[in-house]
Amino acid sequence: MRKPRRLPMEELDPYIWSLPAEYQSGWGERLPSETKHETIDWSELFGNPNPVEIEVGFGKGLFLVSSGVARPDTNFFGVEIIRKYQLYAATRIAQRNLPNVKTCCGDAKLLLRDFVVPASVQAIHIFFPDPWWKARHKKRTLFTSEFTNLIIKALSPNGLLHFVTDVEDYYVMVSGILREAPELMELAKPEASEPSHDMDYLTNFERKFRKEGRPIYRSHHQKCGQ
């Protein structure tokens, strides 16, 4: 796939939501959760009351683009910690003029902790996160009990968590963490559909791994209704 030409920032701005400066500079981790800030008003951000789904770590944006095109009545918000990937994905979104897709560059844990209104998200998608096995990288591991609690807080009653990885040990670890959360109910494992074209995958990673014949591990969990 040819890399899209970067569009000017004024054309990308409608598809970008920016964290406050102190969060972008890395100070956000040091701020207590009681820090005063504006939470995201989804209806105001998207200009409609449609349900919202979040993708954590969207990479080059394949899922956001495909879902935004296929499901115009759902709003998609992606958070990615690497700025160049945000701009890459935002360019793809802008080229397709998808008003129901927005992107953010930042730490997903801080976004969920401080900016997402509780019980305001219909689904959270996490595809192929880095397991960070080395001891010195452990602090970068995404899935922890704390992160799971942030997901539970963000999801609306009956909201869905969709997790996919190519690392069996990581899948086992995450599954164990999720099973310990009484607010989450494990659903039947989803079957992967056969792609009908070269863009018919969740992510670029899924396309690569499936073409290589590597196993993919998937799980669905639902927040218990209240």
Protein backbone atom coordinates (compact mmCIF):
# COMPACT_ATOMS: atom_id res chain seq x y z
CA MET A 1 0.00 0.00 0.00
CA ARG A 2 1.42 3.36 -1.01
CA LYS A 3 1.97 5.83 1.81
CA PRO A 4 -0.57 8.69 1.59
CA ARG A 5 0.78 12.20 1.07
CA ARG A 6 0.60 14.14 4.32
CA LEU A 7 -2.11 16.78 4.17
CA PRO A 8 -1.66 20.27 5.67
CA MET A 9 -2.54 20.52 9.36
CA GLU A 10 -5.54 22.72 8.64
CA GLU A 11 -7.05 19.83 6.69
CA LEU A 12 -6.23 17.34 9.44
CA ASP A 13 -7.48 19.47 12.35
CA PRO A 14 -11.15 18.36 12.06
CA TYR A 15 -10.00 14.78 12.70
CA ILE A 16 -7.68 15.51 15.64
CA TRP A 17 -8.53 16.02 19.31
CA SER A 18 -5.61 17.24 21.39
CA LEU A 19 -4.86 16.60 25.04
CA PRO A 20 -3.88 19.57 27.23
CA ALA A 21 -0.22 20.56 26.94
CA GLU A 22 0.79 19.06 30.28
CA TYR A 23 -0.41 15.63 29.11
CA GLN A 24 1.39 15.90 25.81
CA SER A 25 4.67 16.78 27.54
CA GLY A 26 4.61 13.67 29.71
CA TRP A 27 3.63 15.44 32.92
CA GLY A 28 0.20 13.80 32.83
CA GLU A 29 1.45 10.70 34.64
CA ARG A 30 2.41 12.87 37.60
CA LEU A 31 -0.97 14.58 37.81
CA PRO A 32 -3.46 13.19 40.32
CA SER A 33 -6.80 11.99 39.02
CA GLU A 34 -8.46 14.86 40.88
CA THR A 35 -6.79 17.39 38.56
CA LYS A 36 -9.39 19.78 37.16
CA HIS A 37 -9.90 19.37 33.42
CA GLU A 38 -12.58 19.27 30.78
CA THR A 39 -13.89 15.80 29.96
CA ILE A 40 -14.81 14.96 26.38
CA ASP A 41 -18.37 15.77 25.37
CA TRP A 42 -18.88 13.19 22.63
CA SER A 43 -22.00 14.86 21.21
CA GLU A 44 -20.16 18.15 20.95
CA LEU A 45 -17.00 16.61 19.51
CA PHE A 46 -18.79 14.66 16.77
CA GLY A 47 -21.80 16.93 16.33
CA ASN A 48 -24.28 14.11 16.93
CA PRO A 49 -25.56 11.82 19.72
CA ASN A 50 -24.46 8.57 18.06
CA PRO A 51 -22.72 5.83 20.10
CA VAL A 52 -18.95 6.05 20.50
CA GLU A 53 -16.30 3.33 20.18
CA ILE A 54 -12.64 3.77 21.14
CA GLU A 55 -9.64 2.08 19.58
CA VAL A 56 -6.52 2.00 21.74
CA GLY A 57 -3.30 1.99 19.69
CA PHE A 58 -4.68 2.47 16.18
CA GLY A 59 -1.31 2.41 14.37
CA LYS A 60 -1.85 3.30 10.72
CA GLY A 61 -5.60 3.55 11.18
CA LEU A 62 -6.95 0.66 9.11
CA PHE A 63 -9.67 -0.24 11.63
CA LEU A 64 -10.73 3.39 12.10
CA VAL A 65 -10.96 3.99 8.36
CA SER A 66 -12.75 0.73 7.54
CA SER A 67 -15.19 1.06 10.44
CA GLY A 68 -15.81 4.75 9.80
CA VAL A 69 -16.79 3.99 6.21
CA ALA A 70 -18.86 0.88 7.00
CA ARG A 71 -20.69 2.30 10.05
CA PRO A 72 -21.49 5.98 9.52
CA ASP A 73 -24.01 5.96 12.41
CA THR A 74 -21.27 5.13 14.95
CA ASN A 75 -18.53 7.52 16.08
CA PHE A 76 -14.97 6.21 16.35
CA PHE A 77 -12.27 7.77 18.54
CA GLY A 78 -8.72 6.46 18.28
CA VAL A 79 -5.85 7.06 20.70
CA GLU A 80 -2.26 6.38 19.65
CA ILE A 81 0.91 7.26 21.55
CA ILE A 82 3.10 7.75 18.46
CA ARG A 83 2.53 11.12 16.77
CA LYS A 84 3.65 10.10 13.27
CA TYR A 85 1.06 7.31 13.23
CA GLN A 86 -1.65 9.71 14.33
CA LEU A 87 -0.85 12.05 11.43
CA TYR A 88 -0.66 9.10 9.02
CA ALA A 89 -4.08 7.84 10.12
CA ALA A 90 -5.59 11.33 10.21
CA THR A 91 -4.49 11.82 6.60
CA ARG A 92 -6.26 8.61 5.55
CA ILE A 93 -9.38 9.70 7.44
CA ALA A 94 -9.33 13.21 5.97
CA GLN A 95 -8.89 11.90 2.43
CA ARG A 96 -12.15 9.97 2.89
CA ASN A 97 -13.89 12.86 4.66
CA LEU A 98 -15.06 10.76 7.62
CA PRO A 99 -16.72 13.10 10.14
CA ASN A 100 -17.44 10.16 12.45
CA VAL A 101 -13.74 9.45 13.13
CA LYS A 102 -11.39 11.43 15.40
CA THR A 103 -7.84 10.74 16.58
CA CYS A 104 -5.81 11.62 19.65
CA CYS A 105 -2.08 11.32 20.37
CA GLY A 106 -1.40 10.38 23.96
CA ASP A 107 -1.42 7.77 26.71
CA ALA A 108 -4.63 5.73 26.62
CA LYS A 109 -4.50 5.16 30.38
CA LEU A 110 -4.51 8.89 31.07
CA LEU A 111 -7.19 9.52 28.46
CA LEU A 112 -9.52 6.97 30.02
CA ARG A 113 -8.66 8.09 33.54
CA ASP A 114 -9.10 11.83 33.12
CA PHE A 115 -11.03 12.66 29.95
CA VAL A 116 -13.62 9.98 29.19
CA VAL A 117 -16.96 10.38 30.95
CA PRO A 118 -17.85 7.20 32.88
CA ALA A 119 -20.23 4.81 31.10
CA SER A 120 -20.11 6.86 27.88
CA VAL A 121 -18.43 4.38 25.47
CA GLN A 122 -20.19 1.54 23.66
CA ALA A 123 -17.07 -0.48 22.79
CA ILE A 124 -13.30 -0.46 23.27
CA HIS A 125 -11.03 -2.18 20.74
CA ILE A 126 -7.44 -3.16 21.52
CA PHE A 127 -5.59 -4.89 18.70
CA PHE A 128 -2.04 -6.30 18.87
CA PRO A 129 -0.59 -4.29 21.78
CA ASP A 130 3.10 -4.79 22.45
CA PRO A 131 3.51 -7.26 25.36
CA TRP A 132 6.75 -5.56 26.59
CA TRP A 133 8.22 -8.71 28.12
CA LYS A 134 11.60 -7.26 29.18
CA ALA A 135 11.78 -6.26 32.85
CA ARG A 136 12.95 -2.73 32.07
CA HIS A 137 9.93 -2.23 29.80
CA LYS A 138 7.29 -3.59 32.19
CA LYS A 139 6.00 -0.12 32.99
CA ARG A 140 4.93 0.21 29.35
CA THR A 141 2.69 -2.86 29.45
CA LEU A 142 -0.81 -1.74 28.60
CA PHE A 143 -2.94 -4.41 30.24
CA THR A 144 -2.96 -4.35 34.02
CA SER A 145 -5.71 -4.61 36.60
CA GLU A 146 -5.66 -0.81 36.82
CA PHE A 147 -6.14 -0.44 33.07
CA THR A 148 -8.96 -2.98 33.13
CA ASN A 149 -10.72 -0.89 35.78
CA LEU A 150 -10.40 2.17 33.54
CA ILE A 151 -11.99 0.22 30.68
CA ILE A 152 -14.85 -0.89 32.92
CA LYS A 153 -15.41 2.68 34.07
CA ALA A 154 -15.54 4.00 30.49
CA LEU A 155 -17.87 1.34 29.08
CA SER A 156 -21.61 1.81 29.17
CA PRO A 157 -23.74 -1.04 30.59
CA ASN A 158 -23.54 -3.95 28.12
CA GLY A 159 -20.57 -2.24 26.44
CA LEU A 160 -18.00 -4.45 24.69
CA LEU A 161 -14.27 -4.99 24.99
CA HIS A 162 -12.62 -6.54 21.92
CA PHE A 163 -9.02 -7.73 22.42
CA VAL A 164 -6.78 -9.33 19.77
CA THR A 165 -3.13 -10.43 19.91
CA ASP A 166 -0.73 -12.74 18.11
CA VAL A 167 1.13 -13.60 21.35
CA GLU A 168 -0.38 -16.59 23.13
CA ASP A 169 1.30 -15.91 26.48
CA TYR A 170 0.04 -12.32 26.43
CA TYR A 171 -3.46 -13.54 25.56
CA VAL A 172 -3.38 -15.94 28.52
CA MET A 173 -2.17 -13.19 30.85
CA VAL A 174 -4.80 -10.68 29.72
CA SER A 175 -7.56 -13.30 29.82
CA GLY A 176 -6.64 -14.01 33.43
CA ILE A 177 -6.83 -10.33 34.35
CA LEU A 178 -10.21 -9.93 32.64
CA ARG A 179 -11.67 -13.00 34.31
CA GLU A 180 -10.85 -11.49 37.69
CA ALA A 181 -13.09 -8.51 36.95
CA PRO A 182 -16.63 -9.36 38.14
CA GLU A 183 -18.05 -6.52 36.03
CA LEU A 184 -17.01 -8.26 32.80
CA MET A 185 -18.62 -11.29 31.21
CA GLU A 186 -16.64 -13.34 28.69
CA LEU A 187 -18.51 -13.92 25.43
CA ALA A 188 -18.00 -16.62 22.84
CA LYS A 189 -14.72 -16.19 21.00
CA PRO A 190 -15.36 -14.45 17.67
CA GLU A 191 -14.50 -16.29 14.49
CA ALA A 192 -12.35 -14.39 12.01
CA SER A 193 -14.09 -13.92 8.68
CA GLU A 194 -12.25 -14.68 5.47
CA PRO A 195 -11.06 -11.36 3.98
CA SER A 196 -12.64 -10.44 0.66
CA HIS A 197 -9.85 -8.02 -0.35
CA ASP A 198 -6.45 -6.84 0.84
CA MET A 199 -7.88 -4.15 3.12
CA ASP A 200 -10.44 -6.44 4.74
CA TYR A 201 -8.53 -6.95 7.98
CA LEU A 202 -8.74 -5.37 11.43
CA THR A 203 -5.22 -3.93 11.20
CA ASN A 204 -2.06 -4.04 9.13
CA PHE A 205 -0.63 -6.42 11.75
CA GLU A 206 -3.51 -8.84 11.31
CA ARG A 207 -3.05 -8.83 7.55
CA LYS A 208 0.67 -9.56 7.91
CA PHE A 209 0.27 -12.28 10.54
CA ARG A 210 -2.58 -14.08 8.80
CA LYS A 211 -0.72 -14.12 5.50
CA GLU A 212 2.22 -15.63 7.37
CA GLY A 213 -0.09 -18.28 8.82
CA ARG A 214 0.49 -17.19 12.42
CA PRO A 215 -2.26 -17.88 14.98
CA ILE A 216 -4.38 -14.96 16.17
CA TYR A 217 -5.99 -14.95 19.62
CA ARG A 218 -9.25 -13.04 20.08
CA SER A 219 -11.59 -12.34 22.95
CA HIS A 220 -14.85 -10.51 23.53
CA HIS A 221 -16.02 -9.33 26.93
CA GLN A 222 -19.17 -7.46 27.86
CA LYS A 223 -19.74 -5.15 30.79
CA CYS A 224 -22.60 -6.42 32.89
CA GLY A 225 -25.74 -4.32 32.53
CA GLN A 226 -26.84 -2.09 35.37
